[in-house]
Amino acid sequence: VLVPGLGTFAVVHEQIHGKEELYEVRRPVFQLDMDMSCLQELLFPTVMIPGDIEIMPLDYWWLSQTNSLPPDVVRGCVEETILLYSFQLRDRQRPAFAFENIGILSCQDNVLCMQFHCSCIAGLESQDTWVALLLT
């Protein structure tokens, strides 16, 4: 899912070779896509989402159904929230940006990174959860 001005959330399939087995897991990733002027003095992990993964835009209509607000109001709220977050980063503030049931985008020691909740990872990968948790 592409969140304009912030980045892209995706689920990647990854093969891991164990000592005796081959594990194929699904795990969440976040590819940051913010204005570089917001990221002065910040480091962030380089995450590349494979080109064969379909990226869909954020569904404002669906979000509007979950909170009874019109889609244009939801879009405005999302855009203003991302704008506020980028201004805070530019002003050297380091707030955490929480995504319910997904994880937290936070800055620790000048490194901006997405930390996924264990429940999010476990929800994506039920067979080899511990491998996906270790990778993420």
Protein backbone atom coordinates (compact mmCIF):
# COMPACT_ATOMS: atom_id res chain seq x y z
CA VAL A 1 0.00 0.00 0.00
CA LEU A 2 1.39 3.36 -1.06
CA VAL A 3 0.93 6.15 1.47
CA PRO A 4 1.75 9.29 -0.54
CA GLY A 5 4.48 11.41 1.01
CA LEU A 6 5.48 8.75 3.52
CA GLY A 7 6.27 5.43 1.90
CA THR A 8 5.07 1.99 0.88
CA PHE A 9 4.05 -0.97 2.99
CA ALA A 10 4.34 -4.40 1.38
CA VAL A 11 4.55 -8.08 2.18
CA VAL A 12 7.52 -9.92 0.72
CA HIS A 13 8.13 -13.63 0.32
CA GLU A 14 11.59 -14.69 1.35
CA GLN A 15 13.37 -18.03 1.27
CA ILE A 16 15.69 -18.83 4.14
CA HIS A 17 18.02 -21.81 4.12
CA GLY A 18 18.20 -23.48 7.52
CA LYS A 19 20.57 -26.28 8.43
CA GLU A 20 18.10 -28.95 7.41
CA GLU A 21 15.16 -27.12 5.85
CA LEU A 22 14.21 -24.40 3.44
CA TYR A 23 11.81 -21.88 4.95
CA GLU A 24 9.62 -19.64 2.86
CA VAL A 25 8.13 -16.82 4.90
CA ARG A 26 5.99 -13.77 4.34
CA ARG A 27 7.10 -10.68 6.19
CA PRO A 28 6.18 -7.00 6.18
CA VAL A 29 8.51 -4.31 4.88
CA PHE A 30 8.32 -0.54 4.70
CA GLN A 31 10.06 1.50 2.00
CA LEU A 32 10.41 5.12 3.11
CA ASP A 33 9.56 7.76 0.51
CA MET A 34 9.70 11.18 2.15
CA ASP A 35 11.05 14.53 1.05
CA MET A 36 14.80 14.36 1.70
CA SER A 37 14.76 17.81 3.32
CA CYS A 38 12.76 16.23 6.15
CA LEU A 39 15.45 13.64 6.71
CA GLN A 40 18.42 15.91 7.40
CA GLU A 41 20.95 14.18 9.65
CA LEU A 42 18.79 11.03 9.76
CA LEU A 43 19.77 7.61 8.55
CA PHE A 44 17.19 5.10 7.41
CA PRO A 45 17.45 1.51 6.22
CA THR A 46 17.33 1.08 2.48
CA VAL A 47 14.47 -1.29 1.74
CA MET A 48 13.72 -2.27 -1.82
CA ILE A 49 10.36 -3.78 -2.58
CA PRO A 50 10.67 -6.31 -5.42
CA GLY A 51 9.22 -5.12 -8.72
CA ASP A 52 6.82 -8.05 -9.02
CA ILE A 53 4.80 -6.99 -5.96
CA GLU A 54 1.63 -5.11 -6.80
CA ILE A 55 1.52 -1.74 -5.04
CA MET A 56 -1.92 -0.31 -4.42
CA PRO A 57 -2.73 3.24 -3.37
CA LEU A 58 -4.14 3.88 0.10
CA ASP A 59 -7.88 3.21 -0.07
CA TYR A 60 -9.46 6.37 1.34
CA TRP A 61 -12.96 5.10 0.61
CA TRP A 62 -12.39 1.95 2.69
CA LEU A 63 -10.90 4.03 5.51
CA SER A 64 -13.90 6.33 5.40
CA GLN A 65 -16.18 3.34 5.93
CA THR A 66 -14.38 2.43 9.14
CA ASN A 67 -14.90 5.84 10.75
CA SER A 68 -17.98 7.33 9.02
CA LEU A 69 -16.11 10.33 7.59
CA PRO A 70 -16.28 11.24 3.89
CA PRO A 71 -13.32 9.99 1.80
CA ASP A 72 -12.12 13.54 1.03
CA VAL A 73 -12.00 14.33 4.77
CA VAL A 74 -10.04 11.12 5.42
CA ARG A 75 -7.61 11.99 2.60
CA GLY A 76 -7.12 15.48 4.06
CA CYS A 77 -6.48 14.06 7.53
CA VAL A 78 -3.89 11.59 6.20
CA GLU A 79 -2.14 14.28 4.14
CA GLU A 80 -2.08 16.77 7.04
CA THR A 81 -0.79 14.13 9.45
CA ILE A 82 2.08 13.20 7.12
CA LEU A 83 2.84 16.88 6.56
CA LEU A 84 2.93 17.51 10.31
CA TYR A 85 5.21 14.51 10.83
CA SER A 86 7.61 15.72 8.13
CA PHE A 87 7.69 19.21 9.68
CA GLN A 88 8.49 17.68 13.06
CA LEU A 89 11.36 15.67 11.57
CA ARG A 90 12.66 18.78 9.79
CA ASP A 91 12.59 20.66 13.12
CA ARG A 92 14.70 17.89 14.67
CA GLN A 93 11.81 16.57 16.73
CA ARG A 94 11.69 12.79 16.84
CA PRO A 95 8.10 11.71 17.44
CA ALA A 96 6.98 8.14 16.89
CA PHE A 97 4.35 7.56 14.22
CA ALA A 98 2.09 4.67 15.25
CA PHE A 99 0.14 2.56 12.76
CA GLU A 100 -2.57 0.61 14.55
CA ASN A 101 -2.09 -3.17 14.31
CA ILE A 102 0.99 -2.69 12.10
CA GLY A 103 3.88 -1.04 13.94
CA ILE A 104 5.70 2.17 14.80
CA LEU A 105 7.85 4.42 12.63
CA SER A 106 10.34 5.83 15.09
CA CYS A 107 13.71 7.51 15.31
CA GLN A 108 16.33 6.14 17.66
CA ASP A 109 19.92 7.39 17.63
CA ASN A 110 19.15 9.35 14.42
CA VAL A 111 17.98 6.22 12.60
CA LEU A 112 14.42 6.37 11.28
CA CYS A 113 12.99 2.87 10.95
CA MET A 114 9.76 0.92 10.96
CA GLN A 115 9.33 -1.56 13.79
CA PHE A 116 6.51 -4.00 13.07
CA HIS A 117 4.41 -5.40 15.89
CA CYS A 118 4.94 -9.11 16.51
CA SER A 119 1.20 -9.64 16.07
CA CYS A 120 1.41 -8.10 12.56
CA ILE A 121 4.23 -10.44 11.57
CA ALA A 122 2.51 -13.47 13.11
CA GLY A 123 -0.69 -12.58 11.28
CA LEU A 124 1.13 -12.70 7.95
CA GLU A 125 3.11 -15.85 8.61
CA SER A 126 1.39 -18.60 10.56
CA GLN A 127 3.61 -21.52 9.54
CA ASP A 128 7.14 -20.28 10.28
CA THR A 129 6.35 -17.33 12.53
CA TRP A 130 9.62 -17.45 14.48
CA VAL A 131 11.70 -17.26 11.26
CA ALA A 132 9.69 -14.25 10.04
CA LEU A 133 10.03 -12.59 13.45
CA LEU A 134 13.81 -13.04 13.41
CA LEU A 135 14.08 -11.64 9.89
CA THR A 136 11.91 -8.63 10.55
